[in-house]
Every structure is written in structure tokens, then in C-alpha cells.
Amino acid sequence: SISAASVLEGVPIEPRRRRGEEQSWSVIMAGEEINEDYPVEIHEYLSAFENSIGAVDEMLKTMMSVSRNELLQKLDPLEQAKVDLVSAYTLNSMFWVYLATQGVNPKEHPVKQELERIRVYMNRVKEITDKKKAGKLDRGAASRFVKNALWEPKPKNASKVANKGKSKS
């Protein structure tokens, strides 16, 4: 399979200054030189985008190197759900980016509803995870603690016995 990062890997890219703020980039691919003019200000963004594509490519290679069944066997059901949700969200996010690069407004495409649906399930998994992390209440210990912490008046018999021993002067 061909990845975006592997397409640009080893391709000589040479900047050339022209016409003030614009910079021309000469890219030599398959023996053919392609000149693109774009503002210098976006060069950093394009470089960061290229690095991000490379990172995504590496992550995908890592994930695809292990079979899904092999990966899921090692995880409990909650962790399996997390892996499935992250995979679905990532795939749909990448499709969102693809639509944007093709000039399609992804906000008007069904992929938006799919991302929302996945996000709802991610929130449910987060709630379950948070409930697992929350401390559990030991009702017996709590009732003993409250009972011992409350003030109780002394019985009336105890005060009469204490007063009998005292003499009035």
C-alpha cells in the first residue's frame, strides 16, 4: 500500500524566492518538475501537516501489524470498546479530512452524524470508567462512623447516681 508520507519520502523539495511574499517550491516527482506558488506564511503549517501525516502513517502501520482478534484477546471488554471507538472515530475523522480536501463540506455530509454518534458512545464509556474509579461506599462502616460521631445525651439515671455522691454544702 502507498501512504502519503511514503509518496513524499525522498522527494527533493527546494524553496525558491520570487515576487516578494510568495515562495515557489520545486518538487521533482517521477522525473517531472512541478512548481507550486504559495505564501511563505503557510510553509510552517504545511510542514506540520506533512509531519502529522507521517505520524498517522506510522500509527496505522503499528495498528495493522497486529491482527484485531489478537489485540482484543488481551483486553477486557471495556478496553475493547475503547479500541473500537477510537478506531471508528479516527477513520471517520480521516474521511472528514478527505472530504474537505475534495471540496465537499463535511458538515453537510452524513459523516458528521456518525462522528456525533461515536462521540456519544465515547462519553458512555467514559462514564462507566469514571464509575469504576469512584470509591465505593461501605454502608456498615459509614453508619458506625455517623452513629459514633453524633452526640447522645446521658441517661437520666446516670446523672442521679452522680449527684447522690455529692453533698450539698
N, C-alpha and C. Protein backbone atom coordinates (compact mmCIF):
# COMPACT_ATOMS: atom_id res chain seq x y z
N SER A 1 0.84 -1.19 0.00
CA SER A 1 0.00 0.00 0.00
C SER A 1 0.88 1.24 0.00
N ILE A 2 0.38 2.29 -0.61
CA ILE A 2 1.13 3.55 -0.72
C ILE A 2 0.56 4.53 0.28
N SER A 3 1.44 5.11 1.07
CA SER A 3 0.99 6.09 2.05
C SER A 3 1.40 7.49 1.60
N ALA A 4 0.74 8.48 2.18
CA ALA A 4 1.05 9.87 1.84
C ALA A 4 2.48 10.21 2.19
N ALA A 5 2.94 9.72 3.34
CA ALA A 5 4.32 10.02 3.77
C ALA A 5 5.33 9.34 2.85
N SER A 6 5.01 8.11 2.40
CA SER A 6 5.96 7.42 1.55
C SER A 6 6.04 8.04 0.16
N VAL A 7 4.97 8.71 -0.26
CA VAL A 7 4.99 9.39 -1.56
C VAL A 7 5.99 10.53 -1.53
N LEU A 8 6.01 11.26 -0.40
CA LEU A 8 6.92 12.41 -0.29
C LEU A 8 8.30 12.04 0.21
N GLU A 9 8.46 10.81 0.69
CA GLU A 9 9.72 10.38 1.25
C GLU A 9 10.80 10.37 0.16
N GLY A 10 11.87 11.04 0.40
CA GLY A 10 12.99 11.05 -0.54
C GLY A 10 12.78 11.98 -1.73
N VAL A 11 11.70 12.74 -1.74
CA VAL A 11 11.43 13.65 -2.84
C VAL A 11 12.13 14.97 -2.54
N PRO A 12 12.98 15.41 -3.44
CA PRO A 12 13.67 16.69 -3.19
C PRO A 12 12.71 17.86 -3.33
N ILE A 13 12.66 18.69 -2.30
CA ILE A 13 11.83 19.89 -2.30
C ILE A 13 12.77 21.06 -2.08
N GLU A 14 12.76 21.98 -3.02
CA GLU A 14 13.70 23.11 -2.95
C GLU A 14 12.93 24.43 -2.99
N PRO A 15 13.08 25.26 -1.96
CA PRO A 15 12.40 26.56 -1.98
C PRO A 15 13.14 27.54 -2.88
N ARG A 16 12.38 28.38 -3.58
CA ARG A 16 12.96 29.45 -4.39
C ARG A 16 12.17 30.72 -4.13
N ARG A 17 12.83 31.79 -3.77
CA ARG A 17 12.17 33.08 -3.50
C ARG A 17 11.82 33.75 -4.82
N ARG A 18 10.56 34.22 -4.88
CA ARG A 18 10.13 35.01 -6.02
C ARG A 18 9.04 35.97 -5.59
N ARG A 19 8.92 37.05 -6.26
CA ARG A 19 7.85 38.02 -6.11
C ARG A 19 7.50 38.34 -4.65
N GLY A 20 8.42 38.80 -3.91
CA GLY A 20 8.17 39.29 -2.56
C GLY A 20 7.74 38.22 -1.58
N GLU A 21 6.46 38.19 -1.22
CA GLU A 21 5.96 37.31 -0.17
C GLU A 21 5.76 35.87 -0.61
N GLU A 22 5.68 35.60 -1.87
CA GLU A 22 5.44 34.24 -2.30
C GLU A 22 6.74 33.48 -2.47
N GLN A 23 6.65 32.21 -2.32
CA GLN A 23 7.81 31.36 -2.47
C GLN A 23 7.41 30.24 -3.42
N SER A 24 8.29 29.89 -4.31
CA SER A 24 8.00 28.83 -5.25
C SER A 24 8.70 27.57 -4.77
N TRP A 25 7.98 26.46 -4.81
CA TRP A 25 8.55 25.19 -4.40
C TRP A 25 8.66 24.30 -5.61
N SER A 26 9.83 23.81 -5.84
CA SER A 26 10.05 22.92 -6.95
C SER A 26 10.11 21.50 -6.40
N VAL A 27 9.16 20.66 -6.82
CA VAL A 27 9.11 19.28 -6.37
C VAL A 27 9.37 18.41 -7.59
N ILE A 28 10.34 17.53 -7.45
CA ILE A 28 10.67 16.64 -8.56
C ILE A 28 10.10 15.27 -8.23
N MET A 29 9.08 14.88 -8.99
CA MET A 29 8.45 13.58 -8.79
C MET A 29 8.42 12.86 -10.13
N ALA A 30 8.87 11.62 -10.12
CA ALA A 30 8.89 10.77 -11.32
C ALA A 30 9.58 11.48 -12.48
N GLY A 31 10.65 12.21 -12.16
CA GLY A 31 11.43 12.86 -13.19
C GLY A 31 10.78 14.11 -13.73
N GLU A 32 9.65 14.51 -13.21
CA GLU A 32 8.93 15.68 -13.70
C GLU A 32 8.95 16.75 -12.62
N GLU A 33 9.31 17.96 -12.98
CA GLU A 33 9.36 19.05 -12.01
C GLU A 33 8.02 19.76 -11.96
N ILE A 34 7.51 19.94 -10.73
CA ILE A 34 6.24 20.62 -10.51
C ILE A 34 6.52 21.88 -9.71
N ASN A 35 6.10 23.02 -10.20
CA ASN A 35 6.28 24.28 -9.48
C ASN A 35 4.96 24.70 -8.87
N GLU A 36 4.98 25.01 -7.57
CA GLU A 36 3.79 25.47 -6.86
C GLU A 36 4.13 26.79 -6.19
N ASP A 37 3.27 27.77 -6.36
CA ASP A 37 3.43 29.05 -5.66
C ASP A 37 2.43 29.12 -4.53
N TYR A 38 2.91 29.46 -3.34
CA TYR A 38 2.03 29.68 -2.21
C TYR A 38 2.72 30.63 -1.25
N PRO A 39 1.94 31.28 -0.40
CA PRO A 39 2.51 32.26 0.53
C PRO A 39 3.47 31.60 1.52
N VAL A 40 4.52 32.31 1.84
CA VAL A 40 5.54 31.82 2.76
C VAL A 40 4.95 31.52 4.13
N GLU A 41 3.92 32.27 4.54
CA GLU A 41 3.34 32.13 5.87
C GLU A 41 2.80 30.73 6.14
N ILE A 42 2.38 30.03 5.10
CA ILE A 42 1.78 28.72 5.33
C ILE A 42 2.80 27.58 5.26
N HIS A 43 4.06 27.90 5.02
CA HIS A 43 5.07 26.84 4.93
C HIS A 43 5.15 26.03 6.23
N GLU A 44 5.12 26.72 7.38
CA GLU A 44 5.18 26.01 8.67
C GLU A 44 3.98 25.08 8.83
N TYR A 45 2.81 25.56 8.43
CA TYR A 45 1.60 24.73 8.54
C TYR A 45 1.70 23.50 7.63
N LEU A 46 2.21 23.70 6.43
CA LEU A 46 2.36 22.58 5.51
C LEU A 46 3.39 21.57 6.02
N SER A 47 4.46 22.06 6.61
CA SER A 47 5.46 21.17 7.18
C SER A 47 4.87 20.38 8.36
N ALA A 48 4.12 21.06 9.21
CA ALA A 48 3.48 20.38 10.35
C ALA A 48 2.48 19.35 9.85
N PHE A 49 1.75 19.69 8.79
CA PHE A 49 0.78 18.76 8.22
C PHE A 49 1.49 17.53 7.67
N GLU A 50 2.60 17.75 6.98
CA GLU A 50 3.37 16.63 6.44
C GLU A 50 3.87 15.73 7.57
N ASN A 51 4.36 16.32 8.65
CA ASN A 51 4.82 15.54 9.81
C ASN A 51 3.67 14.76 10.44
N SER A 52 2.50 15.39 10.52
CA SER A 52 1.33 14.72 11.08
C SER A 52 0.91 13.53 10.23
N ILE A 53 0.95 13.70 8.94
CA ILE A 53 0.60 12.59 8.05
C ILE A 53 1.58 11.44 8.25
N GLY A 54 2.84 11.77 8.40
CA GLY A 54 3.85 10.74 8.66
C GLY A 54 3.58 10.01 9.97
N ALA A 55 3.18 10.76 11.00
CA ALA A 55 2.89 10.15 12.30
C ALA A 55 1.66 9.24 12.21
N VAL A 56 0.64 9.69 11.50
CA VAL A 56 -0.56 8.87 11.31
C VAL A 56 -0.20 7.60 10.55
N ASP A 57 0.62 7.74 9.55
CA ASP A 57 1.04 6.58 8.76
C ASP A 57 1.76 5.56 9.63
N GLU A 58 2.65 6.03 10.51
CA GLU A 58 3.36 5.12 11.41
C GLU A 58 2.41 4.43 12.38
N MET A 59 1.45 5.19 12.92
CA MET A 59 0.46 4.62 13.84
C MET A 59 -0.36 3.54 13.14
N LEU A 60 -0.78 3.84 11.91
CA LEU A 60 -1.57 2.85 11.17
C LEU A 60 -0.76 1.59 10.88
N LYS A 61 0.49 1.76 10.55
CA LYS A 61 1.35 0.59 10.32
C LYS A 61 1.45 -0.25 11.59
N THR A 62 1.61 0.42 12.74
CA THR A 62 1.70 -0.29 14.01
C THR A 62 0.40 -1.03 14.32
N MET A 63 -0.72 -0.36 14.14
CA MET A 63 -2.01 -0.99 14.43
C MET A 63 -2.30 -2.15 13.48
N MET A 64 -1.91 -2.00 12.24
CA MET A 64 -2.21 -3.03 11.25
C MET A 64 -1.23 -4.20 11.32
N SER A 65 -0.14 -4.04 12.05
CA SER A 65 0.84 -5.12 12.16
C SER A 65 0.34 -6.24 13.06
N VAL A 66 -0.63 -5.94 13.93
CA VAL A 66 -1.21 -6.94 14.83
C VAL A 66 -2.65 -7.16 14.41
N SER A 67 -3.07 -8.42 14.34
CA SER A 67 -4.46 -8.68 13.95
C SER A 67 -5.40 -8.18 15.03
N ARG A 68 -6.58 -7.78 14.62
CA ARG A 68 -7.56 -7.23 15.55
C ARG A 68 -7.93 -8.25 16.63
N ASN A 69 -8.15 -9.50 16.23
CA ASN A 69 -8.51 -10.55 17.20
C ASN A 69 -7.40 -10.75 18.23
N GLU A 70 -6.16 -10.73 17.76
CA GLU A 70 -5.01 -10.90 18.65
C GLU A 70 -4.95 -9.75 19.66
N LEU A 71 -5.20 -8.55 19.19
CA LEU A 71 -5.17 -7.38 20.05
C LEU A 71 -6.30 -7.43 21.08
N LEU A 72 -7.51 -7.74 20.63
CA LEU A 72 -8.68 -7.72 21.51
C LEU A 72 -8.67 -8.85 22.54
N GLN A 73 -8.01 -9.95 22.25
CA GLN A 73 -7.93 -11.06 23.20
C GLN A 73 -7.22 -10.66 24.48
N LYS A 74 -6.31 -9.74 24.38
CA LYS A 74 -5.51 -9.32 25.54
C LYS A 74 -6.22 -8.27 26.39
N LEU A 75 -7.38 -7.77 25.92
CA LEU A 75 -8.04 -6.66 26.61
C LEU A 75 -9.37 -7.10 27.22
N ASP A 76 -9.77 -6.41 28.29
CA ASP A 76 -11.09 -6.67 28.87
C ASP A 76 -12.15 -5.99 27.99
N PRO A 77 -13.42 -6.29 28.17
CA PRO A 77 -14.46 -5.74 27.30
C PRO A 77 -14.50 -4.21 27.23
N LEU A 78 -14.26 -3.55 28.35
CA LEU A 78 -14.27 -2.09 28.34
C LEU A 78 -13.12 -1.54 27.49
N GLU A 79 -11.95 -2.15 27.62
CA GLU A 79 -10.80 -1.73 26.81
C GLU A 79 -11.05 -2.04 25.32
N GLN A 80 -11.70 -3.15 25.04
CA GLN A 80 -12.05 -3.49 23.65
C GLN A 80 -12.97 -2.43 23.06
N ALA A 81 -13.94 -2.00 23.85
CA ALA A 81 -14.86 -0.96 23.39
C ALA A 81 -14.10 0.34 23.11
N LYS A 82 -13.14 0.67 23.97
CA LYS A 82 -12.34 1.87 23.75
C LYS A 82 -11.55 1.79 22.45
N VAL A 83 -10.93 0.64 22.19
CA VAL A 83 -10.15 0.47 20.96
C VAL A 83 -11.06 0.60 19.74
N ASP A 84 -12.22 -0.05 19.79
CA ASP A 84 -13.15 0.02 18.66
C ASP A 84 -13.64 1.45 18.43
N LEU A 85 -13.97 2.16 19.50
CA LEU A 85 -14.45 3.53 19.36
C LEU A 85 -13.37 4.47 18.83
N VAL A 86 -12.16 4.33 19.34
CA VAL A 86 -11.06 5.19 18.86
C VAL A 86 -10.78 4.89 17.38
N SER A 87 -10.82 3.63 17.01
CA SER A 87 -10.58 3.26 15.61
C SER A 87 -11.66 3.85 14.70
N ALA A 88 -12.93 3.71 15.12
CA ALA A 88 -14.03 4.25 14.31
C ALA A 88 -13.96 5.77 14.23
N TYR A 89 -13.65 6.41 15.34
CA TYR A 89 -13.57 7.87 15.36
C TYR A 89 -12.42 8.35 14.46
N THR A 90 -11.30 7.67 14.54
CA THR A 90 -10.14 8.05 13.73
C THR A 90 -10.44 7.89 12.25
N LEU A 91 -11.02 6.77 11.88
CA LEU A 91 -11.35 6.52 10.48
C LEU A 91 -12.32 7.57 9.95
N ASN A 92 -13.36 7.87 10.73
CA ASN A 92 -14.32 8.88 10.29
C ASN A 92 -13.71 10.27 10.26
N SER A 93 -12.80 10.57 11.17
CA SER A 93 -12.11 11.87 11.15
C SER A 93 -11.24 12.00 9.91
N MET A 94 -10.58 10.92 9.56
CA MET A 94 -9.75 10.94 8.35
C MET A 94 -10.63 11.11 7.11
N PHE A 95 -11.81 10.50 7.11
CA PHE A 95 -12.73 10.68 5.99
C PHE A 95 -13.22 12.12 5.93
N TRP A 96 -13.43 12.73 7.09
CA TRP A 96 -13.81 14.15 7.18
C TRP A 96 -12.75 15.01 6.47
N VAL A 97 -11.48 14.73 6.79
CA VAL A 97 -10.38 15.49 6.18
C VAL A 97 -10.36 15.23 4.67
N TYR A 98 -10.55 13.98 4.27
CA TYR A 98 -10.58 13.65 2.85
C TYR A 98 -11.67 14.45 2.14
N LEU A 99 -12.87 14.49 2.72
CA LEU A 99 -13.96 15.24 2.10
C LEU A 99 -13.59 16.71 1.94
N ALA A 100 -12.96 17.26 2.98
CA ALA A 100 -12.56 18.67 2.93
C ALA A 100 -11.54 18.90 1.82
N THR A 101 -10.62 17.95 1.62
CA THR A 101 -9.62 18.11 0.56
C THR A 101 -10.23 17.96 -0.83
N GLN A 102 -11.41 17.33 -0.91
CA GLN A 102 -12.08 17.15 -2.19
C GLN A 102 -13.09 18.26 -2.47
N GLY A 103 -13.17 19.24 -1.58
CA GLY A 103 -14.06 20.37 -1.78
C GLY A 103 -15.48 20.11 -1.31
N VAL A 104 -15.71 19.02 -0.60
CA VAL A 104 -17.04 18.70 -0.06
C VAL A 104 -17.11 19.23 1.36
N ASN A 105 -18.21 19.89 1.70
CA ASN A 105 -18.38 20.40 3.06
C ASN A 105 -18.76 19.23 3.97
N PRO A 106 -17.85 18.77 4.84
CA PRO A 106 -18.14 17.62 5.70
C PRO A 106 -19.25 17.89 6.71
N LYS A 107 -19.54 19.17 7.00
CA LYS A 107 -20.60 19.49 7.95
C LYS A 107 -21.98 19.16 7.39
N GLU A 108 -22.06 19.04 6.07
CA GLU A 108 -23.33 18.71 5.42
C GLU A 108 -23.35 17.25 4.96
N HIS A 109 -22.39 16.47 5.38
CA HIS A 109 -22.27 15.06 4.97
C HIS A 109 -22.66 14.16 6.15
N PRO A 110 -23.18 12.97 5.87
CA PRO A 110 -23.55 12.04 6.97
C PRO A 110 -22.41 11.68 7.90
N VAL A 111 -21.17 11.93 7.51
CA VAL A 111 -20.04 11.62 8.39
C VAL A 111 -20.12 12.44 9.68
N LYS A 112 -20.75 13.62 9.62
CA LYS A 112 -20.88 14.44 10.82
C LYS A 112 -21.76 13.72 11.85
N GLN A 113 -22.89 13.15 11.41
CA GLN A 113 -23.76 12.42 12.33
C GLN A 113 -23.06 11.19 12.88
N GLU A 114 -22.25 10.55 12.06
CA GLU A 114 -21.52 9.36 12.51
C GLU A 114 -20.52 9.74 13.60
N LEU A 115 -19.82 10.83 13.42
CA LEU A 115 -18.87 11.29 14.43
C LEU A 115 -19.59 11.64 15.73
N GLU A 116 -20.77 12.26 15.63
CA GLU A 116 -21.55 12.58 16.83
C GLU A 116 -21.99 11.30 17.54
N ARG A 117 -22.44 10.31 16.76
CA ARG A 117 -22.88 9.04 17.34
C ARG A 117 -21.74 8.36 18.09
N ILE A 118 -20.56 8.36 17.49
CA ILE A 118 -19.39 7.75 18.12
C ILE A 118 -19.02 8.52 19.38
N ARG A 119 -19.12 9.85 19.31
CA ARG A 119 -18.79 10.67 20.47
C ARG A 119 -19.73 10.36 21.64
N VAL A 120 -21.01 10.11 21.37
CA VAL A 120 -21.96 9.75 22.43
C VAL A 120 -21.52 8.45 23.11
N TYR A 121 -21.13 7.46 22.30
CA TYR A 121 -20.67 6.19 22.88
C TYR A 121 -19.37 6.37 23.65
N MET A 122 -18.50 7.25 23.17
CA MET A 122 -17.25 7.51 23.91
C MET A 122 -17.56 8.11 25.27
N ASN A 123 -18.56 8.98 25.33
CA ASN A 123 -18.95 9.58 26.61
C ASN A 123 -19.53 8.52 27.55
N ARG A 124 -20.29 7.57 26.99
CA ARG A 124 -20.84 6.49 27.82
C ARG A 124 -19.71 5.64 28.41
N VAL A 125 -18.73 5.32 27.59
CA VAL A 125 -17.59 4.53 28.08
C VAL A 125 -16.84 5.30 29.15
N LYS A 126 -16.71 6.61 28.96
CA LYS A 126 -16.03 7.44 29.96
C LYS A 126 -16.79 7.43 31.28
N GLU A 127 -18.12 7.51 31.22
CA GLU A 127 -18.93 7.46 32.44
C GLU A 127 -18.72 6.13 33.17
N ILE A 128 -18.72 5.04 32.43
CA ILE A 128 -18.51 3.71 33.02
C ILE A 128 -17.13 3.64 33.67
N THR A 129 -16.12 4.16 32.98
CA THR A 129 -14.76 4.17 33.52
C THR A 129 -14.69 5.00 34.79
N ASP A 130 -15.35 6.17 34.78
CA ASP A 130 -15.34 7.04 35.96
C ASP A 130 -16.04 6.37 37.14
N LYS A 131 -17.13 5.64 36.86
CA LYS A 131 -17.84 4.95 37.94
C LYS A 131 -16.96 3.86 38.55
N LYS A 132 -16.16 3.20 37.69
CA LYS A 132 -15.26 2.16 38.21
C LYS A 132 -14.19 2.77 39.11
N LYS A 133 -13.73 3.96 38.74
CA LYS A 133 -12.67 4.61 39.51
C LYS A 133 -13.19 5.20 40.82
N ALA A 134 -14.47 5.54 40.86
CA ALA A 134 -15.05 6.18 42.05
C ALA A 134 -14.99 5.23 43.23
N GLY A 135 -14.77 5.79 44.41
CA GLY A 135 -14.70 4.99 45.63
C GLY A 135 -16.05 4.37 45.93
N LYS A 136 -16.02 3.17 46.48
CA LYS A 136 -17.27 2.50 46.84
C LYS A 136 -17.55 2.74 48.31
N LEU A 137 -18.81 2.88 48.64
CA LEU A 137 -19.24 3.18 49.99
C LEU A 137 -19.47 1.90 50.76
N ASP A 138 -18.82 1.79 51.91
CA ASP A 138 -19.07 0.68 52.83
C ASP A 138 -20.14 1.16 53.79
N ARG A 139 -21.37 0.73 53.54
CA ARG A 139 -22.50 1.25 54.32
C ARG A 139 -22.39 0.95 55.80
N GLY A 140 -21.92 -0.23 56.15
CA GLY A 140 -21.78 -0.58 57.56
C GLY A 140 -20.81 0.34 58.27
N ALA A 141 -19.66 0.57 57.64
CA ALA A 141 -18.66 1.45 58.25
C ALA A 141 -19.18 2.87 58.33
N ALA A 142 -19.89 3.33 57.30
CA ALA A 142 -20.42 4.69 57.30
C ALA A 142 -21.44 4.88 58.41
N SER A 143 -22.33 3.89 58.61
CA SER A 143 -23.35 4.04 59.67
C SER A 143 -22.70 4.01 61.05
N ARG A 144 -21.67 3.17 61.26
CA ARG A 144 -20.96 3.17 62.55
C ARG A 144 -20.26 4.49 62.79
N PHE A 145 -19.68 5.04 61.74
CA PHE A 145 -18.99 6.32 61.86
C PHE A 145 -19.96 7.42 62.25
N VAL A 146 -21.09 7.48 61.58
CA VAL A 146 -22.08 8.50 61.87
C VAL A 146 -22.66 8.31 63.27
N LYS A 147 -22.96 7.07 63.64
CA LYS A 147 -23.53 6.79 64.96
C LYS A 147 -22.58 7.22 66.08
N ASN A 148 -21.32 6.94 65.94
CA ASN A 148 -20.33 7.30 66.96
C ASN A 148 -20.01 8.79 66.97
N ALA A 149 -20.24 9.46 65.84
CA ALA A 149 -19.92 10.88 65.77
C ALA A 149 -21.03 11.75 66.33
N LEU A 150 -22.25 11.22 66.44
CA LEU A 150 -23.38 12.01 66.95
C LEU A 150 -23.34 12.08 68.47
N TRP A 151 -23.80 13.19 69.02
CA TRP A 151 -23.86 13.40 70.46
C TRP A 151 -25.11 12.70 70.99
N GLU A 152 -24.94 11.99 72.06
CA GLU A 152 -26.08 11.35 72.71
C GLU A 152 -26.15 11.86 74.14
N PRO A 153 -27.33 12.24 74.57
CA PRO A 153 -27.45 12.71 75.97
C PRO A 153 -27.25 11.54 76.93
N LYS A 154 -26.72 11.86 78.09
CA LYS A 154 -26.52 10.82 79.10
C LYS A 154 -27.87 10.39 79.65
N PRO A 155 -28.01 9.14 79.99
CA PRO A 155 -29.29 8.69 80.57
C PRO A 155 -29.56 9.42 81.88
N LYS A 156 -30.84 9.64 82.20
CA LYS A 156 -31.23 10.38 83.42
C LYS A 156 -30.78 9.64 84.68
N ASN A 157 -30.79 8.35 84.67
CA ASN A 157 -30.36 7.57 85.82
C ASN A 157 -28.89 7.81 86.13
N ALA A 158 -28.09 7.96 85.14
CA ALA A 158 -26.66 8.16 85.35
C ALA A 158 -26.40 9.49 86.04
N SER A 159 -27.18 10.54 85.73
CA SER A 159 -26.95 11.83 86.37
C SER A 159 -27.41 11.82 87.83
N LYS A 160 -28.49 11.08 88.18
CA LYS A 160 -28.96 10.98 89.58
C LYS A 160 -27.94 10.25 90.43
N VAL A 161 -27.36 9.20 89.87
CA VAL A 161 -26.36 8.44 90.61
C VAL A 161 -25.15 9.32 90.88
N ALA A 162 -24.75 10.14 89.91
CA ALA A 162 -23.61 11.01 90.07
C ALA A 162 -23.89 12.09 91.11
N ASN A 163 -25.14 12.60 91.18
CA ASN A 163 -25.50 13.65 92.13
C ASN A 163 -25.60 13.12 93.56
N LYS A 164 -25.95 11.87 93.77
CA LYS A 164 -26.10 11.32 95.12
C LYS A 164 -24.77 11.32 95.86
N GLY A 165 -23.71 11.09 95.14
CA GLY A 165 -22.40 11.04 95.77
C GLY A 165 -21.93 12.39 96.22
N LYS A 166 -22.52 13.47 95.69
CA LYS A 166 -22.08 14.84 96.04
C LYS A 166 -22.90 15.31 97.25
N SER A 167 -22.29 16.02 98.11
CA SER A 167 -23.02 16.55 99.27
C SER A 167 -23.27 18.02 99.07
N LYS A 168 -24.44 18.46 99.60
CA LYS A 168 -24.76 19.88 99.45
C LYS A 168 -24.14 20.63 100.62
N SER A 169 -23.52 21.74 100.41
CA SER A 169 -22.96 22.50 101.50
C SER A 169 -23.67 23.79 101.67
